[in-house]
């Protein structure tokens, strides 16, 4: 929280999703609210790193990441 005023951009890396649409390695449900509480108002780049572990579609992975982020941030809008 101390450095939040200095944060100008966030890279939201992700690898894989479970059947409920939650990222399996990064606790976005705990991290994204911290940015809201810290006053962050910038952007987050979605970065799919799962290409090393999956033959799935990168486009679908980014769509899942966007849906997850929207779901987590909805109460703050």
PDB file of N, CA and C in Angstrom:
ATOM      1  N   UNK A   1       0.824  -1.203   0.000  1.00  0.00           N
ATOM      2  CA  UNK A   1       0.000   0.000   0.000  1.00  0.00           C
ATOM      3  C   UNK A   1       0.863   1.261   0.000  1.00  0.00           C
ATOM      4  N   UNK A   2       2.035   1.164   0.597  1.00  0.00           N
ATOM      5  CA  UNK A   2       2.898   2.344   0.666  1.00  0.00           C
ATOM      6  C   UNK A   2       3.294   2.854  -0.713  1.00  0.00           C
ATOM      7  N   UNK A   3       3.497   1.955  -1.647  1.00  0.00           N
ATOM      8  CA  UNK A   3       3.959   2.391  -2.971  1.00  0.00           C
ATOM      9  C   UNK A   3       2.813   2.554  -3.977  1.00  0.00           C
ATOM     10  N   UNK A   4       1.595   2.297  -3.578  1.00  0.00           N
ATOM     11  CA  UNK A   4       0.472   2.367  -4.508  1.00  0.00           C
ATOM     12  C   UNK A   4       0.399   3.707  -5.247  1.00  0.00           C
ATOM     13  N   UNK A   5       0.666   4.847  -4.622  1.00  0.00           N
ATOM     14  CA  UNK A   5       0.617   6.102  -5.378  1.00  0.00           C
ATOM     15  C   UNK A   5       1.638   6.169  -6.522  1.00  0.00           C
ATOM     16  N   UNK A   6       2.655   5.326  -6.478  1.00  0.00           N
ATOM     17  CA  UNK A   6       3.685   5.326  -7.518  1.00  0.00           C
ATOM     18  C   UNK A   6       3.395   4.321  -8.630  1.00  0.00           C
ATOM     19  N   UNK A   7       2.405   3.464  -8.440  1.00  0.00           N
ATOM     20  CA  UNK A   7       2.091   2.438  -9.435  1.00  0.00           C
ATOM     21  C   UNK A   7       1.354   3.093 -10.603  1.00  0.00           C
ATOM     22  N   UNK A   8       1.904   2.915 -11.804  1.00  0.00           N
ATOM     23  CA  UNK A   8       1.283   3.540 -12.977  1.00  0.00           C
ATOM     24  C   UNK A   8       0.742   2.512 -13.968  1.00  0.00           C
ATOM     25  N   UNK A   9       1.124   1.251 -13.804  1.00  0.00           N
ATOM     26  CA  UNK A   9       0.644   0.208 -14.711  1.00  0.00           C
ATOM     27  C   UNK A   9       0.806  -1.148 -14.043  1.00  0.00           C
ATOM     28  N   UNK A  10      -0.125  -2.062 -14.316  1.00  0.00           N
ATOM     29  CA  UNK A  10      -0.096  -3.387 -13.706  1.00  0.00           C
ATOM     30  C   UNK A  10      -0.119  -4.443 -14.810  1.00  0.00           C
ATOM     31  N   UNK A  11       0.728  -5.445 -14.674  1.00  0.00           N
ATOM     32  CA  UNK A  11       0.717  -6.589 -15.575  1.00  0.00           C
ATOM     33  C   UNK A  11       0.036  -7.741 -14.841  1.00  0.00           C
ATOM     34  N   UNK A  12      -1.146  -8.122 -15.293  1.00  0.00           N
ATOM     35  CA  UNK A  12      -1.900  -9.206 -14.673  1.00  0.00           C
ATOM     36  C   UNK A  12      -1.577 -10.526 -15.362  1.00  0.00           C
ATOM     37  N   UNK A  13      -0.592 -11.218 -14.844  1.00  0.00           N
ATOM     38  CA  UNK A  13      -0.190 -12.491 -15.430  1.00  0.00           C
ATOM     39  C   UNK A  13      -1.121 -13.602 -14.946  1.00  0.00           C
ATOM     40  N   UNK A  14      -1.346 -14.573 -15.809  1.00  0.00           N
ATOM     41  CA  UNK A  14      -2.187 -15.703 -15.440  1.00  0.00           C
ATOM     42  C   UNK A  14      -1.778 -16.911 -16.259  1.00  0.00           C
ATOM     43  N   UNK A  15      -2.118 -18.090 -15.727  1.00  0.00           N
ATOM     44  CA  UNK A  15      -1.671 -19.339 -16.327  1.00  0.00           C
ATOM     45  C   UNK A  15      -2.810 -20.264 -16.731  1.00  0.00           C
ATOM     46  N   UNK A  16      -3.743 -20.494 -15.824  1.00  0.00           N
ATOM     47  CA  UNK A  16      -4.808 -21.465 -16.084  1.00  0.00           C
ATOM     48  C   UNK A  16      -6.025 -21.133 -15.231  1.00  0.00           C
ATOM     49  N   UNK A  17      -7.171 -21.669 -15.611  1.00  0.00           N
ATOM     50  CA  UNK A  17      -8.421 -21.415 -14.907  1.00  0.00           C
ATOM     51  C   UNK A  17      -9.099 -22.726 -14.552  1.00  0.00           C
ATOM     52  N   UNK A  18      -9.796 -22.727 -13.424  1.00  0.00           N
ATOM     53  CA  UNK A  18     -10.556 -23.911 -13.037  1.00  0.00           C
ATOM     54  C   UNK A  18     -11.952 -23.841 -13.665  1.00  0.00           C
ATOM     55  N   UNK A  19     -12.784 -24.814 -13.371  1.00  0.00           N
ATOM     56  CA  UNK A  19     -14.124 -24.896 -13.967  1.00  0.00           C
ATOM     57  C   UNK A  19     -15.020 -23.718 -13.584  1.00  0.00           C
ATOM     58  N   UNK A  20     -14.743 -23.068 -12.445  1.00  0.00           N
ATOM     59  CA  UNK A  20     -15.537 -21.915 -11.999  1.00  0.00           C
ATOM     60  C   UNK A  20     -15.016 -20.601 -12.567  1.00  0.00           C
ATOM     61  N   UNK A  21     -13.931 -20.641 -13.333  1.00  0.00           N
ATOM     62  CA  UNK A  21     -13.383 -19.421 -13.927  1.00  0.00           C
ATOM     63  C   UNK A  21     -12.382 -18.696 -13.056  1.00  0.00           C
ATOM     64  N   UNK A  22     -11.881 -19.371 -12.016  1.00  0.00           N
ATOM     65  CA  UNK A  22     -10.871 -18.755 -11.142  1.00  0.00           C
ATOM     66  C   UNK A  22      -9.478 -19.138 -11.616  1.00  0.00           C
ATOM     67  N   UNK A  23      -8.561 -18.205 -11.549  1.00  0.00           N
ATOM     68  CA  UNK A  23      -7.179 -18.472 -11.915  1.00  0.00           C
ATOM     69  C   UNK A  23      -6.607 -19.420 -10.872  1.00  0.00           C
ATOM     70  N   UNK A  24      -5.880 -20.444 -11.302  1.00  0.00           N
ATOM     71  CA  UNK A  24      -5.454 -21.498 -10.383  1.00  0.00           C
ATOM     72  C   UNK A  24      -4.152 -21.206  -9.650  1.00  0.00           C
ATOM     73  N   UNK A  25      -3.410 -20.183 -10.042  1.00  0.00           N
ATOM     74  CA  UNK A  25      -2.104 -19.928  -9.408  1.00  0.00           C
ATOM     75  C   UNK A  25      -1.954 -18.548  -8.788  1.00  0.00           C
ATOM     76  N   UNK A  26      -2.758 -17.591  -9.213  1.00  0.00           N
ATOM     77  CA  UNK A  26      -2.653 -16.216  -8.714  1.00  0.00           C
ATOM     78  C   UNK A  26      -3.932 -15.870  -7.953  1.00  0.00           C
ATOM     79  N   UNK A  27      -3.839 -15.435  -6.697  1.00  0.00           N
ATOM     80  CA  UNK A  27      -5.040 -15.133  -5.905  1.00  0.00           C
ATOM     81  C   UNK A  27      -5.649 -13.759  -6.242  1.00  0.00           C
ATOM     82  N   UNK A  28      -6.210 -13.658  -7.441  1.00  0.00           N
ATOM     83  CA  UNK A  28      -6.777 -12.382  -7.875  1.00  0.00           C
ATOM     84  C   UNK A  28      -7.869 -11.875  -6.941  1.00  0.00           C
ATOM     85  N   UNK A  29      -8.615 -12.788  -6.322  1.00  0.00           N
ATOM     86  CA  UNK A  29      -9.681 -12.371  -5.413  1.00  0.00           C
ATOM     87  C   UNK A  29      -9.128 -11.621  -4.211  1.00  0.00           C
ATOM     88  N   UNK A  30      -7.870 -11.832  -3.890  1.00  0.00           N
ATOM     89  CA  UNK A  30      -7.236 -11.113  -2.780  1.00  0.00           C
ATOM     90  C   UNK A  30      -6.421  -9.912  -3.267  1.00  0.00           C
ATOM     91  N   UNK A  31      -5.858 -10.010  -4.469  1.00  0.00           N
ATOM     92  CA  UNK A  31      -4.979  -8.950  -4.980  1.00  0.00           C
ATOM     93  C   UNK A  31      -5.724  -7.755  -5.561  1.00  0.00           C
ATOM     94  N   UNK A  32      -6.713  -8.006  -6.404  1.00  0.00           N
ATOM     95  CA  UNK A  32      -7.395  -6.888  -7.058  1.00  0.00           C
ATOM     96  C   UNK A  32      -8.054  -5.925  -6.067  1.00  0.00           C
ATOM     97  N   UNK A  33      -8.706  -6.399  -5.009  1.00  0.00           N
ATOM     98  CA  UNK A  33      -9.265  -5.452  -4.044  1.00  0.00           C
ATOM     99  C   UNK A  33      -8.207  -4.550  -3.400  1.00  0.00           C
ATOM    100  N   UNK A  34      -6.989  -5.033  -3.268  1.00  0.00           N
ATOM    101  CA  UNK A  34      -5.925  -4.195  -2.702  1.00  0.00           C
ATOM    102  C   UNK A  34      -5.643  -2.982  -3.588  1.00  0.00           C
ATOM    103  N   UNK A  35      -5.714  -3.181  -4.894  1.00  0.00           N
ATOM    104  CA  UNK A  35      -5.493  -2.054  -5.794  1.00  0.00           C
ATOM    105  C   UNK A  35      -6.618  -1.033  -5.680  1.00  0.00           C
ATOM    106  N   UNK A  36      -7.849  -1.506  -5.527  1.00  0.00           N
ATOM    107  CA  UNK A  36      -8.983  -0.601  -5.344  1.00  0.00           C
ATOM    108  C   UNK A  36      -8.817   0.168  -4.034  1.00  0.00           C
ATOM    109  N   UNK A  37      -8.535  -0.549  -2.966  1.00  0.00           N
ATOM    110  CA  UNK A  37      -8.365   0.083  -1.657  1.00  0.00           C
ATOM    111  C   UNK A  37      -7.204   1.062  -1.648  1.00  0.00           C
ATOM    112  N   UNK A  38      -6.196   0.774  -2.447  1.00  0.00           N
ATOM    113  CA  UNK A  38      -5.030   1.651  -2.514  1.00  0.00           C
ATOM    114  C   UNK A  38      -5.212   2.847  -3.429  1.00  0.00           C
ATOM    115  N   UNK A  39      -6.364   2.930  -4.096  1.00  0.00           N
ATOM    116  CA  UNK A  39      -6.653   4.085  -4.939  1.00  0.00           C
ATOM    117  C   UNK A  39      -6.127   3.981  -6.366  1.00  0.00           C
ATOM    118  N   UNK A  40      -5.706   2.800  -6.782  1.00  0.00           N
ATOM    119  CA  UNK A  40      -5.185   2.636  -8.146  1.00  0.00           C
ATOM    120  C   UNK A  40      -6.301   2.878  -9.153  1.00  0.00           C
ATOM    121  N   UNK A  41      -6.026   3.675 -10.170  1.00  0.00           N
ATOM    122  CA  UNK A  41      -7.047   3.960 -11.179  1.00  0.00           C
ATOM    123  C   UNK A  41      -6.520   3.755 -12.595  1.00  0.00           C
ATOM    124  N   UNK A  42      -5.417   3.047 -12.718  1.00  0.00           N
ATOM    125  CA  UNK A  42      -4.825   2.820 -14.033  1.00  0.00           C
ATOM    126  C   UNK A  42      -5.352   1.565 -14.703  1.00  0.00           C
ATOM    127  N   UNK A  43      -4.539   1.027 -15.575  1.00  0.00           N
ATOM    128  CA  UNK A  43      -4.916  -0.124 -16.372  1.00  0.00           C
ATOM    129  C   UNK A  43      -4.145  -1.368 -15.936  1.00  0.00           C
ATOM    130  N   UNK A  44      -4.680  -2.531 -16.325  1.00  0.00           N
ATOM    131  CA  UNK A  44      -3.995  -3.789 -16.094  1.00  0.00           C
ATOM    132  C   UNK A  44      -3.888  -4.499 -17.437  1.00  0.00           C
ATOM    133  N   UNK A  45      -2.693  -4.865 -17.821  1.00  0.00           N
ATOM    134  CA  UNK A  45      -2.487  -5.651 -19.035  1.00  0.00           C
ATOM    135  C   UNK A  45      -2.650  -7.124 -18.702  1.00  0.00           C
ATOM    136  N   UNK A  46      -3.462  -7.814 -19.475  1.00  0.00           N
ATOM    137  CA  UNK A  46      -3.651  -9.254 -19.285  1.00  0.00           C
ATOM    138  C   UNK A  46      -2.525  -9.984 -20.010  1.00  0.00           C
ATOM    139  N   UNK A  47      -1.774 -10.782 -19.267  1.00  0.00           N
ATOM    140  CA  UNK A  47      -0.648 -11.506 -19.856  1.00  0.00           C
ATOM    141  C   UNK A  47      -0.782 -12.997 -19.593  1.00  0.00           C
ATOM    142  N   UNK A  48      -1.179 -13.722 -20.626  1.00  0.00           N
ATOM    143  CA  UNK A  48      -1.318 -15.174 -20.517  1.00  0.00           C
ATOM    144  C   UNK A  48       0.048 -15.826 -20.607  1.00  0.00           C
ATOM    145  N   UNK A  49       0.459 -16.463 -19.536  1.00  0.00           N
ATOM    146  CA  UNK A  49       1.737 -17.161 -19.484  1.00  0.00           C
ATOM    147  C   UNK A  49       1.543 -18.663 -19.634  1.00  0.00           C
ATOM    148  N   UNK A  50       0.303 -19.097 -19.809  1.00  0.00           N
ATOM    149  CA  UNK A  50      -0.006 -20.509 -19.876  1.00  0.00           C
ATOM    150  C   UNK A  50       0.382 -21.194 -21.168  1.00  0.00           C
ATOM    151  N   UNK A  51       0.820 -20.446 -22.147  1.00  0.00           N
ATOM    152  CA  UNK A  51       1.194 -21.042 -23.424  1.00  0.00           C
ATOM    153  C   UNK A  51       2.296 -22.080 -23.257  1.00  0.00           C
ATOM    154  N   UNK A  52       3.055 -21.962 -22.161  1.00  0.00           N
ATOM    155  CA  UNK A  52       4.116 -22.928 -21.903  1.00  0.00           C
ATOM    156  C   UNK A  52       3.551 -24.246 -21.373  1.00  0.00           C
ATOM    157  N   UNK A  53       2.312 -24.206 -20.867  1.00  0.00           N
ATOM    158  CA  UNK A  53       1.718 -25.368 -20.209  1.00  0.00           C
ATOM    159  C   UNK A  53       0.469 -25.877 -20.901  1.00  0.00           C
ATOM    160  N   UNK A  54      -0.024 -25.158 -21.878  1.00  0.00           N
ATOM    161  CA  UNK A  54      -1.312 -25.493 -22.467  1.00  0.00           C
ATOM    162  C   UNK A  54      -1.292 -25.259 -23.968  1.00  0.00           C
ATOM    163  N   UNK A  55      -2.104 -26.010 -24.655  1.00  0.00           N
ATOM    164  CA  UNK A  55      -2.283 -25.793 -26.094  1.00  0.00           C
ATOM    165  C   UNK A  55      -3.580 -25.019 -26.336  1.00  0.00           C
ATOM    166  N   UNK A  56      -4.148 -24.508 -25.278  1.00  0.00           N
ATOM    167  CA  UNK A  56      -5.402 -23.779 -25.380  1.00  0.00           C
ATOM    168  C   UNK A  56      -5.241 -22.465 -26.113  1.00  0.00           C
ATOM    169  N   UNK A  57      -6.356 -21.833 -26.359  1.00  0.00           N
ATOM    170  CA  UNK A  57      -6.393 -20.565 -27.077  1.00  0.00           C
ATOM    171  C   UNK A  57      -6.028 -19.399 -26.167  1.00  0.00           C
ATOM    172  N   UNK A  58      -5.083 -18.596 -26.603  1.00  0.00           N
ATOM    173  CA  UNK A  58      -4.723 -17.397 -25.857  1.00  0.00           C
ATOM    174  C   UNK A  58      -5.864 -16.406 -25.794  1.00  0.00           C
ATOM    175  N   UNK A  59      -6.651 -16.338 -26.858  1.00  0.00           N
ATOM    176  CA  UNK A  59      -7.785 -15.413 -26.887  1.00  0.00           C
ATOM    177  C   UNK A  59      -8.799 -15.816 -25.826  1.00  0.00           C
ATOM    178  N   UNK A  60      -9.108 -17.112 -25.742  1.00  0.00           N
ATOM    179  CA  UNK A  60     -10.051 -17.578 -24.722  1.00  0.00           C
ATOM    180  C   UNK A  60      -9.494 -17.353 -23.323  1.00  0.00           C
ATOM    181  N   UNK A  61      -8.196 -17.521 -23.142  1.00  0.00           N
ATOM    182  CA  UNK A  61      -7.588 -17.305 -21.833  1.00  0.00           C
ATOM    183  C   UNK A  61      -7.712 -15.842 -21.411  1.00  0.00           C
ATOM    184  N   UNK A  62      -7.484 -14.931 -22.341  1.00  0.00           N
ATOM    185  CA  UNK A  62      -7.620 -13.496 -22.025  1.00  0.00           C
ATOM    186  C   UNK A  62      -9.080 -13.173 -21.714  1.00  0.00           C
ATOM    187  N   UNK A  63     -10.004 -13.752 -22.445  1.00  0.00           N
ATOM    188  CA  UNK A  63     -11.422 -13.528 -22.163  1.00  0.00           C
ATOM    189  C   UNK A  63     -11.783 -14.007 -20.762  1.00  0.00           C
ATOM    190  N   UNK A  64     -11.238 -15.137 -20.363  1.00  0.00           N
ATOM    191  CA  UNK A  64     -11.482 -15.646 -19.005  1.00  0.00           C
ATOM    192  C   UNK A  64     -10.876 -14.709 -17.961  1.00  0.00           C
ATOM    193  N   UNK A  65      -9.706 -14.180 -18.244  1.00  0.00           N
ATOM    194  CA  UNK A  65      -9.059 -13.256 -17.315  1.00  0.00           C
ATOM    195  C   UNK A  65      -9.886 -11.978 -17.164  1.00  0.00           C
ATOM    196  N   UNK A  66     -10.395 -11.475 -18.275  1.00  0.00           N
ATOM    197  CA  UNK A  66     -11.242 -10.277 -18.217  1.00  0.00           C
ATOM    198  C   UNK A  66     -12.517 -10.553 -17.427  1.00  0.00           C
ATOM    199  N   UNK A  67     -13.136 -11.711 -17.668  1.00  0.00           N
ATOM    200  CA  UNK A  67     -14.366 -12.062 -16.942  1.00  0.00           C
ATOM    201  C   UNK A  67     -14.102 -12.188 -15.446  1.00  0.00           C
ATOM    202  N   UNK A  68     -13.000 -12.818 -15.083  1.00  0.00           N
ATOM    203  CA  UNK A  68     -12.634 -12.958 -13.677  1.00  0.00           C
ATOM    204  C   UNK A  68     -12.420 -11.588 -13.046  1.00  0.00           C
ATOM    205  N   UNK A  69     -11.670 -10.733 -13.711  1.00  0.00           N
ATOM    206  CA  UNK A  69     -11.378  -9.402 -13.164  1.00  0.00           C
ATOM    207  C   UNK A  69     -12.667  -8.591 -12.992  1.00  0.00           C
ATOM    208  N   UNK A  70     -13.538  -8.632 -13.982  1.00  0.00           N
ATOM    209  CA  UNK A  70     -14.813  -7.913 -13.894  1.00  0.00           C
ATOM    210  C   UNK A  70     -15.658  -8.428 -12.740  1.00  0.00           C
ATOM    211  N   UNK A  71     -15.678  -9.745 -12.574  1.00  0.00           N
ATOM    212  CA  UNK A  71     -16.464 -10.343 -11.487  1.00  0.00           C
ATOM    213  C   UNK A  71     -15.936  -9.902 -10.117  1.00  0.00           C
ATOM    214  N   UNK A  72     -14.636  -9.887  -9.955  1.00  0.00           N
ATOM    215  CA  UNK A  72     -14.030  -9.504  -8.674  1.00  0.00           C
ATOM    216  C   UNK A  72     -14.231  -8.013  -8.413  1.00  0.00           C
ATOM    217  N   UNK A  73     -14.109  -7.198  -9.440  1.00  0.00           N
ATOM    218  CA  UNK A  73     -14.180  -5.739  -9.258  1.00  0.00           C
ATOM    219  C   UNK A  73     -15.606  -5.196  -9.269  1.00  0.00           C
ATOM    220  N   UNK A  74     -16.586  -6.000  -9.672  1.00  0.00           N
ATOM    221  CA  UNK A  74     -17.983  -5.532  -9.772  1.00  0.00           C
ATOM    222  C   UNK A  74     -18.497  -4.855  -8.498  1.00  0.00           C
ATOM    223  N   UNK A  75     -18.217  -5.402  -7.299  1.00  0.00           N
ATOM    224  CA  UNK A  75     -18.726  -4.744  -6.095  1.00  0.00           C
ATOM    225  C   UNK A  75     -18.150  -3.335  -5.859  1.00  0.00           C
ATOM    226  N   UNK A  76     -17.065  -3.021  -6.517  1.00  0.00           N
ATOM    227  CA  UNK A  76     -16.413  -1.723  -6.311  1.00  0.00           C
ATOM    228  C   UNK A  76     -16.858  -0.674  -7.310  1.00  0.00           C
ATOM    229  N   UNK A  77     -17.678  -1.054  -8.283  1.00  0.00           N
ATOM    230  CA  UNK A  77     -18.124  -0.101  -9.305  1.00  0.00           C
ATOM    231  C   UNK A  77     -19.392   0.587  -8.924  1.00  0.00           C
TER     232      UNK A  77
END
